[in-house]
Amino acid sequence: MSYYHPDSKPSWPFIFILIIILVVVWLIETGVSTNVYNNGICRNCGGTYIYQQAVGRGHYVHYLYKCNKCNDIIETNTYFKGNENQNGM
């Protein structure tokens, strides 16, 4: 039977691998958001995505953007500056 002992030290390879995995996951999520946002250009009609609101889900925040022409709504996990809603939201 194994148990945690306060004097035991964590293995550095395990911590290093865990950090690498977390960084890779973060990079993938950021890349997916950037691809979805498409520099603020709607893929359907060529309109501009305008920031609408932030939505909290558990420990994560998602940002909603709406196309000014076709009203297409996208959700990303990255806030992109520019194209803020004219109402100050």
PDB file of N, CA and C in Angstrom:
ATOM      1  N   MET A   1       0.836  -1.159   0.000  1.00  0.00           N
ATOM      2  CA  MET A   1       0.000   0.000   0.000  1.00  0.00           C
ATOM      3  C   MET A   1       0.895   1.241   0.000  1.00  0.00           C
ATOM      4  N   SER A   2       0.591   2.189  -0.878  1.00  0.00           N
ATOM      5  CA  SER A   2       1.392   3.406  -0.924  1.00  0.00           C
ATOM      6  C   SER A   2       0.608   4.548  -0.282  1.00  0.00           C
ATOM      7  N   TYR A   3       1.325   5.453   0.264  1.00  0.00           N
ATOM      8  CA  TYR A   3       0.707   6.614   0.887  1.00  0.00           C
ATOM      9  C   TYR A   3       1.656   7.796   0.753  1.00  0.00           C
ATOM     10  N   TYR A   4       1.101   8.981   0.924  1.00  0.00           N
ATOM     11  CA  TYR A   4       1.909  10.184   0.817  1.00  0.00           C
ATOM     12  C   TYR A   4       2.591  10.450   2.152  1.00  0.00           C
ATOM     13  N   HIS A   5       3.855  10.693   2.080  1.00  0.00           N
ATOM     14  CA  HIS A   5       4.627  11.033   3.278  1.00  0.00           C
ATOM     15  C   HIS A   5       5.115  12.463   3.109  1.00  0.00           C
ATOM     16  N   PRO A   6       4.963  13.314   4.131  1.00  0.00           N
ATOM     17  CA  PRO A   6       5.353  14.726   3.984  1.00  0.00           C
ATOM     18  C   PRO A   6       6.812  14.938   3.582  1.00  0.00           C
ATOM     19  N   ASP A   7       7.680  13.996   3.898  1.00  0.00           N
ATOM     20  CA  ASP A   7       9.089  14.154   3.556  1.00  0.00           C
ATOM     21  C   ASP A   7       9.425  13.666   2.152  1.00  0.00           C
ATOM     22  N   SER A   8       8.471  13.029   1.488  1.00  0.00           N
ATOM     23  CA  SER A   8       8.769  12.524   0.143  1.00  0.00           C
ATOM     24  C   SER A   8       8.772  13.690  -0.839  1.00  0.00           C
ATOM     25  N   LYS A   9       9.666  13.625  -1.794  1.00  0.00           N
ATOM     26  CA  LYS A   9       9.784  14.675  -2.793  1.00  0.00           C
ATOM     27  C   LYS A   9       9.160  14.182  -4.103  1.00  0.00           C
ATOM     28  N   PRO A  10       8.437  15.069  -4.790  1.00  0.00           N
ATOM     29  CA  PRO A  10       7.858  14.649  -6.074  1.00  0.00           C
ATOM     30  C   PRO A  10       8.957  14.409  -7.100  1.00  0.00           C
ATOM     31  N   SER A  11       8.685  13.525  -7.989  1.00  0.00           N
ATOM     32  CA  SER A  11       9.684  13.243  -9.027  1.00  0.00           C
ATOM     33  C   SER A  11       9.676  14.375 -10.052  1.00  0.00           C
ATOM     34  N   TRP A  12      10.843  14.918 -10.354  1.00  0.00           N
ATOM     35  CA  TRP A  12      10.948  16.030 -11.285  1.00  0.00           C
ATOM     36  C   TRP A  12      10.530  15.675 -12.704  1.00  0.00           C
ATOM     37  N   PRO A  13      10.796  14.489 -13.190  1.00  0.00           N
ATOM     38  CA  PRO A  13      10.304  14.184 -14.547  1.00  0.00           C
ATOM     39  C   PRO A  13       8.779  14.267 -14.631  1.00  0.00           C
ATOM     40  N   PHE A  14       8.096  13.826 -13.593  1.00  0.00           N
ATOM     41  CA  PHE A  14       6.633  13.887 -13.586  1.00  0.00           C
ATOM     42  C   PHE A  14       6.158  15.334 -13.640  1.00  0.00           C
ATOM     43  N   ILE A  15       6.738  16.197 -12.821  1.00  0.00           N
ATOM     44  CA  ILE A  15       6.349  17.602 -12.797  1.00  0.00           C
ATOM     45  C   ILE A  15       6.672  18.267 -14.133  1.00  0.00           C
ATOM     46  N   PHE A  16       7.818  17.967 -14.707  1.00  0.00           N
ATOM     47  CA  PHE A  16       8.208  18.530 -15.992  1.00  0.00           C
ATOM     48  C   PHE A  16       7.227  18.114 -17.093  1.00  0.00           C
ATOM     49  N   ILE A  17       6.873  16.851 -17.127  1.00  0.00           N
ATOM     50  CA  ILE A  17       5.930  16.355 -18.137  1.00  0.00           C
ATOM     51  C   ILE A  17       4.560  16.991 -17.943  1.00  0.00           C
ATOM     52  N   LEU A  18       4.124  17.145 -16.715  1.00  0.00           N
ATOM     53  CA  LEU A  18       2.840  17.767 -16.437  1.00  0.00           C
ATOM     54  C   LEU A  18       2.820  19.218 -16.922  1.00  0.00           C
ATOM     55  N   ILE A  19       3.892  19.950 -16.680  1.00  0.00           N
ATOM     56  CA  ILE A  19       3.975  21.339 -17.139  1.00  0.00           C
ATOM     57  C   ILE A  19       3.945  21.407 -18.659  1.00  0.00           C
ATOM     58  N   ILE A  20       4.673  20.524 -19.313  1.00  0.00           N
ATOM     59  CA  ILE A  20       4.683  20.483 -20.785  1.00  0.00           C
ATOM     60  C   ILE A  20       3.284  20.199 -21.324  1.00  0.00           C
ATOM     61  N   ILE A  21       2.583  19.243 -20.728  1.00  0.00           N
ATOM     62  CA  ILE A  21       1.227  18.903 -21.170  1.00  0.00           C
ATOM     63  C   ILE A  21       0.298  20.104 -21.008  1.00  0.00           C
ATOM     64  N   LEU A  22       0.369  20.809 -19.886  1.00  0.00           N
ATOM     65  CA  LEU A  22      -0.486  21.971 -19.663  1.00  0.00           C
ATOM     66  C   LEU A  22      -0.201  23.086 -20.662  1.00  0.00           C
ATOM     67  N   VAL A  23       1.059  23.308 -20.968  1.00  0.00           N
ATOM     68  CA  VAL A  23       1.419  24.338 -21.950  1.00  0.00           C
ATOM     69  C   VAL A  23       0.899  23.958 -23.334  1.00  0.00           C
ATOM     70  N   VAL A  24       1.033  22.713 -23.712  1.00  0.00           N
ATOM     71  CA  VAL A  24       0.559  22.262 -25.026  1.00  0.00           C
ATOM     72  C   VAL A  24      -0.958  22.412 -25.120  1.00  0.00           C
ATOM     73  N   VAL A  25      -1.692  22.036 -24.089  1.00  0.00           N
ATOM     74  CA  VAL A  25      -3.152  22.178 -24.089  1.00  0.00           C
ATOM     75  C   VAL A  25      -3.532  23.646 -24.220  1.00  0.00           C
ATOM     76  N   TRP A  26      -2.851  24.524 -23.487  1.00  0.00           N
ATOM     77  CA  TRP A  26      -3.139  25.950 -23.568  1.00  0.00           C
ATOM     78  C   TRP A  26      -2.883  26.486 -24.975  1.00  0.00           C
ATOM     79  N   LEU A  27      -1.782  26.068 -25.595  1.00  0.00           N
ATOM     80  CA  LEU A  27      -1.461  26.519 -26.949  1.00  0.00           C
ATOM     81  C   LEU A  27      -2.496  26.033 -27.961  1.00  0.00           C
ATOM     82  N   ILE A  28      -2.952  24.807 -27.789  1.00  0.00           N
ATOM     83  CA  ILE A  28      -3.969  24.261 -28.702  1.00  0.00           C
ATOM     84  C   ILE A  28      -5.270  25.044 -28.570  1.00  0.00           C
ATOM     85  N   GLU A  29      -5.702  25.301 -27.339  1.00  0.00           N
ATOM     86  CA  GLU A  29      -6.943  26.047 -27.133  1.00  0.00           C
ATOM     87  C   GLU A  29      -6.855  27.453 -27.707  1.00  0.00           C
ATOM     88  N   THR A  30      -5.729  28.108 -27.531  1.00  0.00           N
ATOM     89  CA  THR A  30      -5.553  29.455 -28.065  1.00  0.00           C
ATOM     90  C   THR A  30      -5.569  29.426 -29.591  1.00  0.00           C
ATOM     91  N   GLY A  31      -4.933  28.437 -30.188  1.00  0.00           N
ATOM     92  CA  GLY A  31      -4.925  28.305 -31.644  1.00  0.00           C
ATOM     93  C   GLY A  31      -6.304  28.048 -32.214  1.00  0.00           C
ATOM     94  N   VAL A  32      -7.105  27.244 -31.528  1.00  0.00           N
ATOM     95  CA  VAL A  32      -8.468  26.957 -31.986  1.00  0.00           C
ATOM     96  C   VAL A  32      -9.301  28.229 -31.943  1.00  0.00           C
ATOM     97  N   SER A  33      -9.186  29.011 -30.860  1.00  0.00           N
ATOM     98  CA  SER A  33      -9.938  30.265 -30.756  1.00  0.00           C
ATOM     99  C   SER A  33      -9.548  31.235 -31.853  1.00  0.00           C
ATOM    100  N   THR A  34      -8.263  31.333 -32.143  1.00  0.00           N
ATOM    101  CA  THR A  34      -7.793  32.237 -33.184  1.00  0.00           C
ATOM    102  C   THR A  34      -8.342  31.817 -34.543  1.00  0.00           C
ATOM    103  N   ASN A  35      -8.403  30.521 -34.798  1.00  0.00           N
ATOM    104  CA  ASN A  35      -8.933  30.011 -36.056  1.00  0.00           C
ATOM    105  C   ASN A  35     -10.426  30.314 -36.178  1.00  0.00           C
ATOM    106  N   VAL A  36     -11.172  30.134 -35.096  1.00  0.00           N
ATOM    107  CA  VAL A  36     -12.609  30.393 -35.114  1.00  0.00           C
ATOM    108  C   VAL A  36     -12.873  31.881 -35.329  1.00  0.00           C
ATOM    109  N   TYR A  37     -12.108  32.739 -34.654  1.00  0.00           N
ATOM    110  CA  TYR A  37     -12.299  34.195 -34.746  1.00  0.00           C
ATOM    111  C   TYR A  37     -11.946  34.733 -36.129  1.00  0.00           C
ATOM    112  N   ASN A  38     -10.991  34.127 -36.804  1.00  0.00           N
ATOM    113  CA  ASN A  38     -10.645  34.466 -38.186  1.00  0.00           C
ATOM    114  C   ASN A  38     -10.364  35.955 -38.373  1.00  0.00           C
ATOM    115  N   ASN A  39      -9.581  36.542 -37.457  1.00  0.00           N
ATOM    116  CA  ASN A  39      -9.241  37.973 -37.515  1.00  0.00           C
ATOM    117  C   ASN A  39     -10.469  38.878 -37.525  1.00  0.00           C
ATOM    118  N   GLY A  40     -11.568  38.405 -36.932  1.00  0.00           N
ATOM    119  CA  GLY A  40     -12.775  39.221 -36.828  1.00  0.00           C
ATOM    120  C   GLY A  40     -13.635  39.233 -38.066  1.00  0.00           C
ATOM    121  N   ILE A  41     -13.327  38.381 -39.049  1.00  0.00           N
ATOM    122  CA  ILE A  41     -14.084  38.329 -40.299  1.00  0.00           C
ATOM    123  C   ILE A  41     -14.982  37.087 -40.291  1.00  0.00           C
ATOM    124  N   CYS A  42     -16.264  37.294 -40.513  1.00  0.00           N
ATOM    125  CA  CYS A  42     -17.221  36.180 -40.552  1.00  0.00           C
ATOM    126  C   CYS A  42     -16.951  35.314 -41.774  1.00  0.00           C
ATOM    127  N   ARG A  43     -16.895  34.012 -41.585  1.00  0.00           N
ATOM    128  CA  ARG A  43     -16.649  33.086 -42.695  1.00  0.00           C
ATOM    129  C   ARG A  43     -17.887  32.923 -43.576  1.00  0.00           C
ATOM    130  N   ASN A  44     -19.064  33.220 -43.047  1.00  0.00           N
ATOM    131  CA  ASN A  44     -20.298  33.040 -43.809  1.00  0.00           C
ATOM    132  C   ASN A  44     -20.565  34.177 -44.791  1.00  0.00           C
ATOM    133  N   CYS A  45     -20.391  35.434 -44.325  1.00  0.00           N
ATOM    134  CA  CYS A  45     -20.793  36.561 -45.167  1.00  0.00           C
ATOM    135  C   CYS A  45     -19.705  37.619 -45.338  1.00  0.00           C
ATOM    136  N   GLY A  46     -18.594  37.511 -44.612  1.00  0.00           N
ATOM    137  CA  GLY A  46     -17.537  38.504 -44.714  1.00  0.00           C
ATOM    138  C   GLY A  46     -17.741  39.717 -43.811  1.00  0.00           C
ATOM    139  N   GLY A  47     -18.770  39.679 -42.967  1.00  0.00           N
ATOM    140  CA  GLY A  47     -19.015  40.772 -42.025  1.00  0.00           C
ATOM    141  C   GLY A  47     -17.966  40.786 -40.917  1.00  0.00           C
ATOM    142  N   THR A  48     -18.170  41.659 -39.959  1.00  0.00           N
ATOM    143  CA  THR A  48     -17.228  41.817 -38.853  1.00  0.00           C
ATOM    144  C   THR A  48     -17.830  41.269 -37.573  1.00  0.00           C
ATOM    145  N   TYR A  49     -17.026  40.479 -36.828  1.00  0.00           N
ATOM    146  CA  TYR A  49     -17.478  39.992 -35.530  1.00  0.00           C
ATOM    147  C   TYR A  49     -17.322  41.095 -34.501  1.00  0.00           C
ATOM    148  N   ILE A  50     -18.377  41.320 -33.715  1.00  0.00           N
ATOM    149  CA  ILE A  50     -18.371  42.333 -32.669  1.00  0.00           C
ATOM    150  C   ILE A  50     -18.544  41.632 -31.328  1.00  0.00           C
ATOM    151  N   TYR A  51     -17.690  41.984 -30.375  1.00  0.00           N
ATOM    152  CA  TYR A  51     -17.747  41.397 -29.031  1.00  0.00           C
ATOM    153  C   TYR A  51     -19.102  41.702 -28.401  1.00  0.00           C
ATOM    154  N   GLN A  52     -19.727  40.664 -27.830  1.00  0.00           N
ATOM    155  CA  GLN A  52     -21.026  40.819 -27.191  1.00  0.00           C
ATOM    156  C   GLN A  52     -20.947  40.715 -25.672  1.00  0.00           C
ATOM    157  N   GLN A  53     -20.404  39.588 -25.192  1.00  0.00           N
ATOM    158  CA  GLN A  53     -20.363  39.390 -23.747  1.00  0.00           C
ATOM    159  C   GLN A  53     -19.452  38.229 -23.383  1.00  0.00           C
ATOM    160  N   ALA A  54     -19.128  38.183 -22.100  1.00  0.00           N
ATOM    161  CA  ALA A  54     -18.361  37.069 -21.547  1.00  0.00           C
ATOM    162  C   ALA A  54     -19.327  36.195 -20.766  1.00  0.00           C
ATOM    163  N   VAL A  55     -19.166  34.876 -20.902  1.00  0.00           N
ATOM    164  CA  VAL A  55     -20.032  33.924 -20.222  1.00  0.00           C
ATOM    165  C   VAL A  55     -19.160  33.011 -19.382  1.00  0.00           C
ATOM    166  N   GLY A  56     -19.449  32.942 -18.095  1.00  0.00           N
ATOM    167  CA  GLY A  56     -18.702  32.061 -17.214  1.00  0.00           C
ATOM    168  C   GLY A  56     -19.338  30.690 -17.153  1.00  0.00           C
ATOM    169  N   ARG A  57     -18.519  29.678 -17.334  1.00  0.00           N
ATOM    170  CA  ARG A  57     -18.988  28.292 -17.237  1.00  0.00           C
ATOM    171  C   ARG A  57     -18.003  27.535 -16.369  1.00  0.00           C
ATOM    172  N   GLY A  58     -18.380  27.320 -15.131  1.00  0.00           N
ATOM    173  CA  GLY A  58     -17.468  26.650 -14.209  1.00  0.00           C
ATOM    174  C   GLY A  58     -16.270  27.533 -13.954  1.00  0.00           C
ATOM    175  N   HIS A  59     -15.087  27.011 -14.211  1.00  0.00           N
ATOM    176  CA  HIS A  59     -13.854  27.763 -14.003  1.00  0.00           C
ATOM    177  C   HIS A  59     -13.391  28.473 -15.266  1.00  0.00           C
ATOM    178  N   TYR A  60     -14.149  28.363 -16.332  1.00  0.00           N
ATOM    179  CA  TYR A  60     -13.733  28.929 -17.607  1.00  0.00           C
ATOM    180  C   TYR A  60     -14.617  30.101 -18.007  1.00  0.00           C
ATOM    181  N   VAL A  61     -14.054  31.023 -18.755  1.00  0.00           N
ATOM    182  CA  VAL A  61     -14.805  32.143 -19.306  1.00  0.00           C
ATOM    183  C   VAL A  61     -14.758  32.014 -20.824  1.00  0.00           C
ATOM    184  N   HIS A  62     -15.905  32.128 -21.455  1.00  0.00           N
ATOM    185  CA  HIS A  62     -16.004  32.096 -22.905  1.00  0.00           C
ATOM    186  C   HIS A  62     -16.506  33.454 -23.372  1.00  0.00           C
ATOM    187  N   TYR A  63     -16.061  33.870 -24.536  1.00  0.00           N
ATOM    188  CA  TYR A  63     -16.404  35.172 -25.066  1.00  0.00           C
ATOM    189  C   TYR A  63     -17.247  34.994 -26.322  1.00  0.00           C
ATOM    190  N   LEU A  64     -18.349  35.741 -26.392  1.00  0.00           N
ATOM    191  CA  LEU A  64     -19.261  35.648 -27.517  1.00  0.00           C
ATOM    192  C   LEU A  64     -19.073  36.831 -28.452  1.00  0.00           C
ATOM    193  N   TYR A  65     -19.016  36.524 -29.748  1.00  0.00           N
ATOM    194  CA  TYR A  65     -18.886  37.535 -30.784  1.00  0.00           C
ATOM    195  C   TYR A  65     -20.012  37.309 -31.783  1.00  0.00           C
ATOM    196  N   LYS A  66     -20.588  38.410 -32.278  1.00  0.00           N
ATOM    197  CA  LYS A  66     -21.718  38.323 -33.208  1.00  0.00           C
ATOM    198  C   LYS A  66     -21.380  39.079 -34.480  1.00  0.00           C
ATOM    199  N   CYS A  67     -21.693  38.466 -35.618  1.00  0.00           N
ATOM    200  CA  CYS A  67     -21.448  39.107 -36.913  1.00  0.00           C
ATOM    201  C   CYS A  67     -22.433  40.262 -37.090  1.00  0.00           C
ATOM    202  N   ASN A  68     -21.924  41.390 -37.591  1.00  0.00           N
ATOM    203  CA  ASN A  68     -22.790  42.563 -37.763  1.00  0.00           C
ATOM    204  C   ASN A  68     -23.684  42.465 -38.995  1.00  0.00           C
ATOM    205  N   LYS A  69     -23.470  41.485 -39.877  1.00  0.00           N
ATOM    206  CA  LYS A  69     -24.304  41.339 -41.076  1.00  0.00           C
ATOM    207  C   LYS A  69     -25.284  40.176 -40.963  1.00  0.00           C
ATOM    208  N   CYS A  70     -24.765  38.973 -40.710  1.00  0.00           N
ATOM    209  CA  CYS A  70     -25.630  37.785 -40.734  1.00  0.00           C
ATOM    210  C   CYS A  70     -26.021  37.304 -39.336  1.00  0.00           C
ATOM    211  N   ASN A  71     -25.567  37.992 -38.292  1.00  0.00           N
ATOM    212  CA  ASN A  71     -25.884  37.649 -36.895  1.00  0.00           C
ATOM    213  C   ASN A  71     -25.369  36.278 -36.467  1.00  0.00           C
ATOM    214  N   ASP A  72     -24.363  35.759 -37.165  1.00  0.00           N
ATOM    215  CA  ASP A  72     -23.723  34.508 -36.759  1.00  0.00           C
ATOM    216  C   ASP A  72     -23.018  34.756 -35.425  1.00  0.00           C
ATOM    217  N   ILE A  73     -23.130  33.817 -34.492  1.00  0.00           N
ATOM    218  CA  ILE A  73     -22.508  33.965 -33.183  1.00  0.00           C
ATOM    219  C   ILE A  73     -21.435  32.894 -33.023  1.00  0.00           C
ATOM    220  N   ILE A  74     -20.244  33.335 -32.589  1.00  0.00           N
ATOM    221  CA  ILE A  74     -19.173  32.389 -32.290  1.00  0.00           C
ATOM    222  C   ILE A  74     -18.802  32.532 -30.819  1.00  0.00           C
ATOM    223  N   GLU A  75     -18.242  31.476 -30.281  1.00  0.00           N
ATOM    224  CA  GLU A  75     -17.815  31.452 -28.888  1.00  0.00           C
ATOM    225  C   GLU A  75     -16.360  31.022 -28.840  1.00  0.00           C
ATOM    226  N   THR A  76     -15.528  31.826 -28.171  1.00  0.00           N
ATOM    227  CA  THR A  76     -14.110  31.495 -28.056  1.00  0.00           C
ATOM    228  C   THR A  76     -13.702  31.524 -26.589  1.00  0.00           C
ATOM    229  N   ASN A  77     -12.534  30.982 -26.297  1.00  0.00           N
ATOM    230  CA  ASN A  77     -12.013  31.057 -24.934  1.00  0.00           C
ATOM    231  C   ASN A  77     -10.941  32.138 -24.817  1.00  0.00           C
ATOM    232  N   THR A  78     -10.813  32.971 -25.856  1.00  0.00           N
ATOM    233  CA  THR A  78      -9.830  34.048 -25.885  1.00  0.00           C
ATOM    234  C   THR A  78     -10.546  35.356 -26.172  1.00  0.00           C
ATOM    235  N   TYR A  79     -10.183  36.401 -25.418  1.00  0.00           N
ATOM    236  CA  TYR A  79     -10.739  37.730 -25.686  1.00  0.00           C
ATOM    237  C   TYR A  79      -9.856  38.422 -26.711  1.00  0.00           C
ATOM    238  N   PHE A  80     -10.471  38.871 -27.803  1.00  0.00           N
ATOM    239  CA  PHE A  80      -9.743  39.566 -28.852  1.00  0.00           C
ATOM    240  C   PHE A  80     -10.078  41.050 -28.771  1.00  0.00           C
ATOM    241  N   LYS A  81      -9.050  41.891 -28.641  1.00  0.00           N
ATOM    242  CA  LYS A  81      -9.281  43.338 -28.550  1.00  0.00           C
ATOM    243  C   LYS A  81      -9.717  43.881 -29.901  1.00  0.00           C
ATOM    244  N   GLY A  82     -10.460  44.965 -29.840  1.00  0.00           N
ATOM    245  CA  GLY A  82     -10.985  45.572 -31.058  1.00  0.00           C
ATOM    246  C   GLY A  82     -12.388  45.039 -31.321  1.00  0.00           C
ATOM    247  N   ASN A  83     -13.126  45.733 -32.147  1.00  0.00           N
ATOM    248  CA  ASN A  83     -14.482  45.344 -32.509  1.00  0.00           C
ATOM    249  C   ASN A  83     -15.397  45.182 -31.297  1.00  0.00           C
ATOM    250  N   GLU A  84     -15.227  46.065 -30.285  1.00  0.00           N
ATOM    251  CA  GLU A  84     -16.105  46.019 -29.135  1.00  0.00           C
ATOM    252  C   GLU A  84     -17.488  46.504 -29.525  1.00  0.00           C
ATOM    253  N   ASN A  85     -18.462  46.047 -28.774  1.00  0.00           N
ATOM    254  CA  ASN A  85     -19.843  46.456 -28.998  1.00  0.00           C
ATOM    255  C   ASN A  85     -19.952  47.958 -28.782  1.00  0.00           C
ATOM    256  N   GLN A  86     -20.749  48.625 -29.582  1.00  0.00           N
ATOM    257  CA  GLN A  86     -20.891  50.064 -29.463  1.00  0.00           C
ATOM    258  C   GLN A  86     -21.572  50.466 -28.160  1.00  0.00           C
ATOM    259  N   ASN A  87     -22.250  49.560 -27.485  1.00  0.00           N
ATOM    260  CA  ASN A  87     -22.922  49.864 -26.229  1.00  0.00           C
ATOM    261  C   ASN A  87     -21.965  49.808 -25.055  1.00  0.00           C
ATOM    262  N   GLY A  88     -20.701  49.553 -25.297  1.00  0.00           N
ATOM    263  CA  GLY A  88     -19.713  49.520 -24.236  1.00  0.00           C
ATOM    264  C   GLY A  88     -19.590  48.181 -23.539  1.00  0.00           C
ATOM    265  N   MET A  89     -20.223  47.168 -24.061  1.00  0.00           N
ATOM    266  CA  MET A  89     -20.150  45.851 -23.434  1.00  0.00           C
ATOM    267  C   MET A  89     -18.874  45.155 -23.834  1.00  0.00           C
TER     268      MET A  89
END
